[in-house]
Amino acid sequence: MGAALLSPIAYIVAAVFLLVLGYTFSLTLFATKVANLQYIFRQIYVLSILLVPVLTMRAFAEERHNDTLELLLTAPIAEVWIVLSKFVALMAVILSIYALSGLYALILGWLGEPDWGPILAGYGTLVLLGSLLVSVGILASTLTENQVVSAALSMGVFLMLWFADSVAPLLPGSLEPLALNLSLIGHFKPLVSGSIFLSDAMYFVSGTMVTLWLASRRLADR
């Protein structure tokens, strides 16, 4: 976990994240005078899709490139625990970045009287979003020793999930419901707006569990 937190990549990602969010927050607050963070949460959604692959691309790809993965796999622990340790470390990084954006919530509380319910729901949704994106990134990293390929794979999956609902009408009738159910933004929007549905939360939870399991199986098959 310490290696993930001390990585210069993590600090670069955090700097880009907060710079873009700060610009968006300041511009929108002065333009709308509305005390909510919905636009910030949507901005975080987009930034996460673009930047999480940069954080996760080294998870196992670097181990394979440096020929240290075999040594890691000889440790007397199951592959699933190795995957979970990587997951926890990377989640600590992404949640730390998300937590820094809480400064904007404090500013809203100082300047006005925001509705804290949707704000808390929004941050809870970000935890679910981050867990799914990180787990997919870890799975992509187990498939290749090239970090750039790993990042491209995970970002490709993110974009396909993002636009699944857009292409759904173009698919045969039997596949349209499947595409809609796979839509990342379709499950993110209700939760981040404060409309809590178990099916939306389970989308993120089950997706995280399945991808982490696949990553552990990928390591076990080596």
C-alpha atoms as a PDB file:
ATOM      1  CA  MET A   1       0.000   0.000   0.000  1.00  0.00           C
ATOM      2  CA  GLY A   2       2.861   2.338   0.805  1.00  0.00           C
ATOM      3  CA  ALA A   3       4.286   1.912  -2.714  1.00  0.00           C
ATOM      4  CA  ALA A   4       0.951   2.944  -4.240  1.00  0.00           C
ATOM      5  CA  LEU A   5       0.611   5.990  -1.994  1.00  0.00           C
ATOM      6  CA  LEU A   6       4.217   7.077  -2.569  1.00  0.00           C
ATOM      7  CA  SER A   7       4.126   6.586  -6.335  1.00  0.00           C
ATOM      8  CA  PRO A   8       4.739   9.837  -8.264  1.00  0.00           C
ATOM      9  CA  ILE A   9       1.995   8.764 -10.668  1.00  0.00           C
ATOM     10  CA  ALA A  10      -0.527   8.967  -7.827  1.00  0.00           C
ATOM     11  CA  TYR A  11       0.479  12.550  -7.068  1.00  0.00           C
ATOM     12  CA  ILE A  12       0.360  13.546 -10.724  1.00  0.00           C
ATOM     13  CA  VAL A  13      -3.116  12.050 -11.072  1.00  0.00           C
ATOM     14  CA  ALA A  14      -4.252  13.787  -7.874  1.00  0.00           C
ATOM     15  CA  ALA A  15      -2.889  17.128  -9.088  1.00  0.00           C
ATOM     16  CA  VAL A  16      -4.651  16.858 -12.450  1.00  0.00           C
ATOM     17  CA  PHE A  17      -7.831  15.695 -10.737  1.00  0.00           C
ATOM     18  CA  LEU A  18      -7.973  18.574  -8.277  1.00  0.00           C
ATOM     19  CA  LEU A  19      -6.888  21.198 -10.797  1.00  0.00           C
ATOM     20  CA  VAL A  20      -9.712  20.337 -13.184  1.00  0.00           C
ATOM     21  CA  LEU A  21     -12.252  20.010 -10.366  1.00  0.00           C
ATOM     22  CA  GLY A  22     -11.205  23.315  -8.825  1.00  0.00           C
ATOM     23  CA  TYR A  23     -11.623  25.103 -12.129  1.00  0.00           C
ATOM     24  CA  THR A  24     -15.044  23.508 -12.712  1.00  0.00           C
ATOM     25  CA  PHE A  25     -16.222  24.194  -9.160  1.00  0.00           C
ATOM     26  CA  SER A  26     -15.192  27.861  -9.197  1.00  0.00           C
ATOM     27  CA  LEU A  27     -16.623  28.527 -12.650  1.00  0.00           C
ATOM     28  CA  THR A  28     -19.939  26.794 -11.957  1.00  0.00           C
ATOM     29  CA  LEU A  29     -20.408  28.234  -8.469  1.00  0.00           C
ATOM     30  CA  PHE A  30     -19.976  31.814  -9.629  1.00  0.00           C
ATOM     31  CA  ALA A  31     -22.112  31.216 -12.726  1.00  0.00           C
ATOM     32  CA  THR A  32     -25.072  29.422 -11.115  1.00  0.00           C
ATOM     33  CA  LYS A  33     -24.933  30.410  -7.429  1.00  0.00           C
ATOM     34  CA  VAL A  34     -26.389  26.930  -6.730  1.00  0.00           C
ATOM     35  CA  ALA A  35     -25.207  25.111  -3.584  1.00  0.00           C
ATOM     36  CA  ASN A  36     -24.861  21.537  -4.838  1.00  0.00           C
ATOM     37  CA  LEU A  37     -22.114  19.248  -6.082  1.00  0.00           C
ATOM     38  CA  GLN A  38     -23.935  17.358  -8.839  1.00  0.00           C
ATOM     39  CA  TYR A  39     -21.763  18.868 -11.547  1.00  0.00           C
ATOM     40  CA  ILE A  40     -18.638  18.025  -9.524  1.00  0.00           C
ATOM     41  CA  PHE A  41     -19.725  14.393  -9.153  1.00  0.00           C
ATOM     42  CA  ARG A  42     -20.284  14.126 -12.910  1.00  0.00           C
ATOM     43  CA  GLN A  43     -16.883  15.696 -13.508  1.00  0.00           C
ATOM     44  CA  ILE A  44     -15.301  13.164 -11.140  1.00  0.00           C
ATOM     45  CA  TYR A  45     -17.042  10.388 -13.090  1.00  0.00           C
ATOM     46  CA  VAL A  46     -15.413  11.503 -16.339  1.00  0.00           C
ATOM     47  CA  LEU A  47     -12.007  12.119 -14.756  1.00  0.00           C
ATOM     48  CA  SER A  48     -12.088   8.709 -13.072  1.00  0.00           C
ATOM     49  CA  ILE A  49     -12.635   6.954 -16.387  1.00  0.00           C
ATOM     50  CA  LEU A  50      -9.687   8.837 -17.871  1.00  0.00           C
ATOM     51  CA  LEU A  51      -7.264   8.674 -14.924  1.00  0.00           C
ATOM     52  CA  VAL A  52      -7.933   5.408 -13.062  1.00  0.00           C
ATOM     53  CA  PRO A  53      -6.300   3.386 -15.886  1.00  0.00           C
ATOM     54  CA  VAL A  54      -3.108   5.378 -15.253  1.00  0.00           C
ATOM     55  CA  LEU A  55      -3.185   4.325 -11.599  1.00  0.00           C
ATOM     56  CA  THR A  56      -3.977   0.653 -12.191  1.00  0.00           C
ATOM     57  CA  MET A  57      -1.821  -0.059 -15.242  1.00  0.00           C
ATOM     58  CA  ARG A  58       1.214  -0.932 -13.097  1.00  0.00           C
ATOM     59  CA  ALA A  59      -0.613  -3.271 -10.701  1.00  0.00           C
ATOM     60  CA  PHE A  60       0.535  -6.535 -12.301  1.00  0.00           C
ATOM     61  CA  ALA A  61       1.883  -5.450 -15.693  1.00  0.00           C
ATOM     62  CA  GLU A  62       4.981  -4.023 -14.047  1.00  0.00           C
ATOM     63  CA  GLU A  63       5.434  -7.211 -12.002  1.00  0.00           C
ATOM     64  CA  ARG A  64       5.364  -9.280 -15.196  1.00  0.00           C
ATOM     65  CA  HIS A  65       7.672  -6.888 -17.042  1.00  0.00           C
ATOM     66  CA  ASN A  66      10.235  -6.982 -14.208  1.00  0.00           C
ATOM     67  CA  ASP A  67       9.912 -10.777 -13.833  1.00  0.00           C
ATOM     68  CA  THR A  68       8.871 -10.410 -10.201  1.00  0.00           C
ATOM     69  CA  LEU A  69       5.387 -11.849 -10.623  1.00  0.00           C
ATOM     70  CA  GLU A  70       6.581 -15.447 -10.366  1.00  0.00           C
ATOM     71  CA  LEU A  71       8.349 -14.588  -7.132  1.00  0.00           C
ATOM     72  CA  LEU A  72       5.193 -12.939  -5.833  1.00  0.00           C
ATOM     73  CA  LEU A  73       3.128 -16.007  -6.712  1.00  0.00           C
ATOM     74  CA  THR A  74       5.462 -18.283  -4.762  1.00  0.00           C
ATOM     75  CA  ALA A  75       4.422 -16.549  -1.535  1.00  0.00           C
ATOM     76  CA  PRO A  76       2.389 -18.867   0.757  1.00  0.00           C
ATOM     77  CA  ILE A  77      -0.875 -16.987   0.170  1.00  0.00           C
ATOM     78  CA  ALA A  78      -3.717 -17.527  -2.263  1.00  0.00           C
ATOM     79  CA  GLU A  79      -3.845 -15.510  -5.475  1.00  0.00           C
ATOM     80  CA  VAL A  80      -7.095 -13.874  -4.384  1.00  0.00           C
ATOM     81  CA  TRP A  81      -5.317 -12.254  -1.431  1.00  0.00           C
ATOM     82  CA  ILE A  82      -2.617 -10.878  -3.704  1.00  0.00           C
ATOM     83  CA  VAL A  83      -5.306  -9.336  -5.920  1.00  0.00           C
ATOM     84  CA  LEU A  84      -7.180  -7.965  -2.915  1.00  0.00           C
ATOM     85  CA  SER A  85      -4.007  -6.394  -1.515  1.00  0.00           C
ATOM     86  CA  LYS A  86      -3.469  -4.570  -4.814  1.00  0.00           C
ATOM     87  CA  PHE A  87      -7.127  -3.570  -4.819  1.00  0.00           C
ATOM     88  CA  VAL A  88      -7.015  -2.166  -1.277  1.00  0.00           C
ATOM     89  CA  ALA A  89      -3.827  -0.204  -2.009  1.00  0.00           C
ATOM     90  CA  LEU A  90      -5.229   1.353  -5.176  1.00  0.00           C
ATOM     91  CA  MET A  91      -8.580   2.063  -3.526  1.00  0.00           C
ATOM     92  CA  ALA A  92      -6.726   3.914  -0.769  1.00  0.00           C
ATOM     93  CA  VAL A  93      -5.198   6.144  -3.435  1.00  0.00           C
ATOM     94  CA  ILE A  94      -8.402   6.847  -5.351  1.00  0.00           C
ATOM     95  CA  LEU A  95     -10.471   7.389  -2.193  1.00  0.00           C
ATOM     96  CA  SER A  96      -7.840   9.796  -0.885  1.00  0.00           C
ATOM     97  CA  ILE A  97      -8.215  11.799  -4.084  1.00  0.00           C
ATOM     98  CA  TYR A  98     -12.006  11.714  -3.820  1.00  0.00           C
ATOM     99  CA  ALA A  99     -11.777  12.797  -0.173  1.00  0.00           C
ATOM    100  CA  LEU A 100      -9.763  15.877  -1.132  1.00  0.00           C
ATOM    101  CA  SER A 101     -12.720  17.032  -3.223  1.00  0.00           C
ATOM    102  CA  GLY A 102     -14.682  17.162   0.052  1.00  0.00           C
ATOM    103  CA  LEU A 103     -13.183  20.629   0.418  1.00  0.00           C
ATOM    104  CA  TYR A 104     -15.790  21.820  -2.069  1.00  0.00           C
ATOM    105  CA  ALA A 105     -18.579  20.465   0.134  1.00  0.00           C
ATOM    106  CA  LEU A 106     -17.123  22.385   3.078  1.00  0.00           C
ATOM    107  CA  ILE A 107     -17.013  25.547   0.972  1.00  0.00           C
ATOM    108  CA  LEU A 108     -20.675  25.080   0.033  1.00  0.00           C
ATOM    109  CA  GLY A 109     -21.549  24.589   3.694  1.00  0.00           C
ATOM    110  CA  TRP A 110     -19.724  27.806   4.540  1.00  0.00           C
ATOM    111  CA  LEU A 111     -21.305  29.862   1.744  1.00  0.00           C
ATOM    112  CA  GLY A 112     -24.837  28.483   1.887  1.00  0.00           C
ATOM    113  CA  GLU A 113     -27.131  25.739   3.112  1.00  0.00           C
ATOM    114  CA  PRO A 114     -26.702  22.760   0.788  1.00  0.00           C
ATOM    115  CA  ASP A 115     -28.817  19.609   0.976  1.00  0.00           C
ATOM    116  CA  TRP A 116     -26.380  17.192   2.586  1.00  0.00           C
ATOM    117  CA  GLY A 117     -28.387  14.074   1.670  1.00  0.00           C
ATOM    118  CA  PRO A 118     -27.530  14.115  -2.064  1.00  0.00           C
ATOM    119  CA  ILE A 119     -23.953  15.117  -1.263  1.00  0.00           C
ATOM    120  CA  LEU A 120     -23.455  12.096   1.016  1.00  0.00           C
ATOM    121  CA  ALA A 121     -25.192   9.858  -1.531  1.00  0.00           C
ATOM    122  CA  GLY A 122     -22.876  11.248  -4.197  1.00  0.00           C
ATOM    123  CA  TYR A 123     -19.739  10.377  -2.255  1.00  0.00           C
ATOM    124  CA  GLY A 124     -21.104   6.921  -1.498  1.00  0.00           C
ATOM    125  CA  THR A 125     -21.676   6.448  -5.223  1.00  0.00           C
ATOM    126  CA  LEU A 126     -18.105   7.528  -5.933  1.00  0.00           C
ATOM    127  CA  VAL A 127     -16.855   4.752  -3.633  1.00  0.00           C
ATOM    128  CA  LEU A 128     -18.855   2.223  -5.658  1.00  0.00           C
ATOM    129  CA  LEU A 129     -17.661   3.726  -8.954  1.00  0.00           C
ATOM    130  CA  GLY A 130     -14.028   3.735  -7.838  1.00  0.00           C
ATOM    131  CA  SER A 131     -14.182   0.113  -6.709  1.00  0.00           C
ATOM    132  CA  LEU A 132     -15.527  -1.058 -10.071  1.00  0.00           C
ATOM    133  CA  LEU A 133     -13.050   0.979 -12.120  1.00  0.00           C
ATOM    134  CA  VAL A 134     -10.074  -0.121 -10.004  1.00  0.00           C
ATOM    135  CA  SER A 135     -11.071  -3.791 -10.187  1.00  0.00           C
ATOM    136  CA  VAL A 136     -11.414  -3.638 -13.986  1.00  0.00           C
ATOM    137  CA  GLY A 137      -8.047  -1.901 -14.187  1.00  0.00           C
ATOM    138  CA  ILE A 138      -6.446  -4.635 -12.086  1.00  0.00           C
ATOM    139  CA  LEU A 139      -7.948  -7.322 -14.319  1.00  0.00           C
ATOM    140  CA  ALA A 140      -6.571  -5.557 -17.406  1.00  0.00           C
ATOM    141  CA  SER A 141      -3.151  -5.388 -15.746  1.00  0.00           C
ATOM    142  CA  THR A 142      -3.106  -9.166 -15.250  1.00  0.00           C
ATOM    143  CA  LEU A 143      -3.559  -9.700 -18.998  1.00  0.00           C
ATOM    144  CA  THR A 144      -0.386  -8.012 -20.255  1.00  0.00           C
ATOM    145  CA  GLU A 145       3.113  -6.965 -19.218  1.00  0.00           C
ATOM    146  CA  ASN A 146       2.829  -3.693 -21.149  1.00  0.00           C
ATOM    147  CA  GLN A 147       1.525  -0.872 -18.949  1.00  0.00           C
ATOM    148  CA  VAL A 148       0.265   1.199 -21.884  1.00  0.00           C
ATOM    149  CA  VAL A 149      -1.693  -1.771 -23.230  1.00  0.00           C
ATOM    150  CA  SER A 150      -3.123  -2.345 -19.746  1.00  0.00           C
ATOM    151  CA  ALA A 151      -4.293   1.270 -19.505  1.00  0.00           C
ATOM    152  CA  ALA A 152      -5.761   1.134 -23.014  1.00  0.00           C
ATOM    153  CA  LEU A 153      -7.633  -2.096 -22.247  1.00  0.00           C
ATOM    154  CA  SER A 154      -9.211  -0.779 -19.058  1.00  0.00           C
ATOM    155  CA  MET A 155     -10.122   2.567 -20.628  1.00  0.00           C
ATOM    156  CA  GLY A 156     -11.646   0.741 -23.596  1.00  0.00           C
ATOM    157  CA  VAL A 157     -13.851  -1.285 -21.236  1.00  0.00           C
ATOM    158  CA  PHE A 158     -14.838   1.881 -19.344  1.00  0.00           C
ATOM    159  CA  LEU A 159     -15.829   3.659 -22.542  1.00  0.00           C
ATOM    160  CA  MET A 160     -17.819   0.677 -23.805  1.00  0.00           C
ATOM    161  CA  LEU A 161     -19.722   0.521 -20.517  1.00  0.00           C
ATOM    162  CA  TRP A 162     -20.228   4.292 -20.573  1.00  0.00           C
ATOM    163  CA  PHE A 163     -21.788   4.319 -24.038  1.00  0.00           C
ATOM    164  CA  ALA A 164     -23.652   1.007 -23.741  1.00  0.00           C
ATOM    165  CA  ASP A 165     -27.020   2.760 -23.418  1.00  0.00           C
ATOM    166  CA  SER A 166     -26.266   4.927 -26.473  1.00  0.00           C
ATOM    167  CA  VAL A 167     -25.740   1.933 -28.747  1.00  0.00           C
ATOM    168  CA  ALA A 168     -28.567  -0.110 -27.214  1.00  0.00           C
ATOM    169  CA  PRO A 169     -31.212   1.134 -29.718  1.00  0.00           C
ATOM    170  CA  LEU A 170     -28.975  -0.020 -32.586  1.00  0.00           C
ATOM    171  CA  LEU A 171     -28.808  -3.601 -31.316  1.00  0.00           C
ATOM    172  CA  PRO A 172     -31.275  -6.436 -31.953  1.00  0.00           C
ATOM    173  CA  GLY A 173     -34.248  -6.392 -29.597  1.00  0.00           C
ATOM    174  CA  SER A 174     -32.975  -9.289 -27.495  1.00  0.00           C
ATOM    175  CA  LEU A 175     -29.641  -7.539 -26.848  1.00  0.00           C
ATOM    176  CA  GLU A 176     -31.002  -4.078 -26.107  1.00  0.00           C
ATOM    177  CA  PRO A 177     -31.964  -4.831 -22.461  1.00  0.00           C
ATOM    178  CA  LEU A 178     -28.518  -6.360 -21.872  1.00  0.00           C
ATOM    179  CA  ALA A 179     -26.770  -3.227 -23.159  1.00  0.00           C
ATOM    180  CA  LEU A 180     -28.982  -1.010 -21.015  1.00  0.00           C
ATOM    181  CA  ASN A 181     -28.236  -3.100 -17.920  1.00  0.00           C
ATOM    182  CA  LEU A 182     -24.514  -2.828 -18.616  1.00  0.00           C
ATOM    183  CA  SER A 183     -24.625   0.961 -18.909  1.00  0.00           C
ATOM    184  CA  LEU A 184     -22.212   2.557 -16.444  1.00  0.00           C
ATOM    185  CA  ILE A 185     -23.732   6.024 -16.619  1.00  0.00           C
ATOM    186  CA  GLY A 186     -27.239   4.541 -16.428  1.00  0.00           C
ATOM    187  CA  HIS A 187     -26.515   3.112 -12.979  1.00  0.00           C
ATOM    188  CA  PHE A 188     -24.347   6.030 -11.848  1.00  0.00           C
ATOM    189  CA  LYS A 189     -26.796   8.883 -12.477  1.00  0.00           C
ATOM    190  CA  PRO A 190     -29.665   7.725 -10.218  1.00  0.00           C
ATOM    191  CA  LEU A 191     -27.359   6.919  -7.302  1.00  0.00           C
ATOM    192  CA  VAL A 192     -25.371  10.144  -7.496  1.00  0.00           C
ATOM    193  CA  SER A 193     -28.629  12.125  -7.656  1.00  0.00           C
ATOM    194  CA  GLY A 194     -29.850  10.597  -4.402  1.00  0.00           C
ATOM    195  CA  SER A 195     -32.267   8.072  -5.937  1.00  0.00           C
ATOM    196  CA  ILE A 196     -31.036   4.921  -4.220  1.00  0.00           C
ATOM    197  CA  PHE A 197     -31.978   1.677  -5.939  1.00  0.00           C
ATOM    198  CA  LEU A 198     -30.575  -1.678  -4.856  1.00  0.00           C
ATOM    199  CA  SER A 199     -30.211  -2.795  -8.479  1.00  0.00           C
ATOM    200  CA  ASP A 200     -27.914   0.149  -9.244  1.00  0.00           C
ATOM    201  CA  ALA A 201     -25.761  -0.459  -6.168  1.00  0.00           C
ATOM    202  CA  MET A 202     -25.541  -4.186  -6.944  1.00  0.00           C
ATOM    203  CA  TYR A 203     -24.332  -3.369 -10.453  1.00  0.00           C
ATOM    204  CA  PHE A 204     -21.174  -1.872  -8.977  1.00  0.00           C
ATOM    205  CA  VAL A 205     -20.783  -4.406  -6.169  1.00  0.00           C
ATOM    206  CA  SER A 206     -21.270  -7.468  -8.370  1.00  0.00           C
ATOM    207  CA  GLY A 207     -19.102  -6.010 -11.141  1.00  0.00           C
ATOM    208  CA  THR A 208     -16.296  -5.424  -8.660  1.00  0.00           C
ATOM    209  CA  MET A 209     -16.532  -8.931  -7.220  1.00  0.00           C
ATOM    210  CA  VAL A 210     -16.630 -10.627 -10.641  1.00  0.00           C
ATOM    211  CA  THR A 211     -13.648  -8.717 -12.036  1.00  0.00           C
ATOM    212  CA  LEU A 212     -11.544  -9.316  -8.917  1.00  0.00           C
ATOM    213  CA  TRP A 213     -12.382 -13.019  -9.105  1.00  0.00           C
ATOM    214  CA  LEU A 214     -11.397 -13.107 -12.791  1.00  0.00           C
ATOM    215  CA  ALA A 215      -8.122 -11.365 -11.956  1.00  0.00           C
ATOM    216  CA  SER A 216      -7.335 -13.947  -9.271  1.00  0.00           C
ATOM    217  CA  ARG A 217      -8.166 -16.786 -11.683  1.00  0.00           C
ATOM    218  CA  ARG A 218      -5.909 -15.231 -14.281  1.00  0.00           C
ATOM    219  CA  LEU A 219      -3.021 -15.292 -11.785  1.00  0.00           C
ATOM    220  CA  ALA A 220      -3.843 -18.843 -10.704  1.00  0.00           C
ATOM    221  CA  ASP A 221      -3.730 -20.063 -14.318  1.00  0.00           C
ATOM    222  CA  ARG A 222      -0.196 -18.794 -14.846  1.00  0.00           C
END
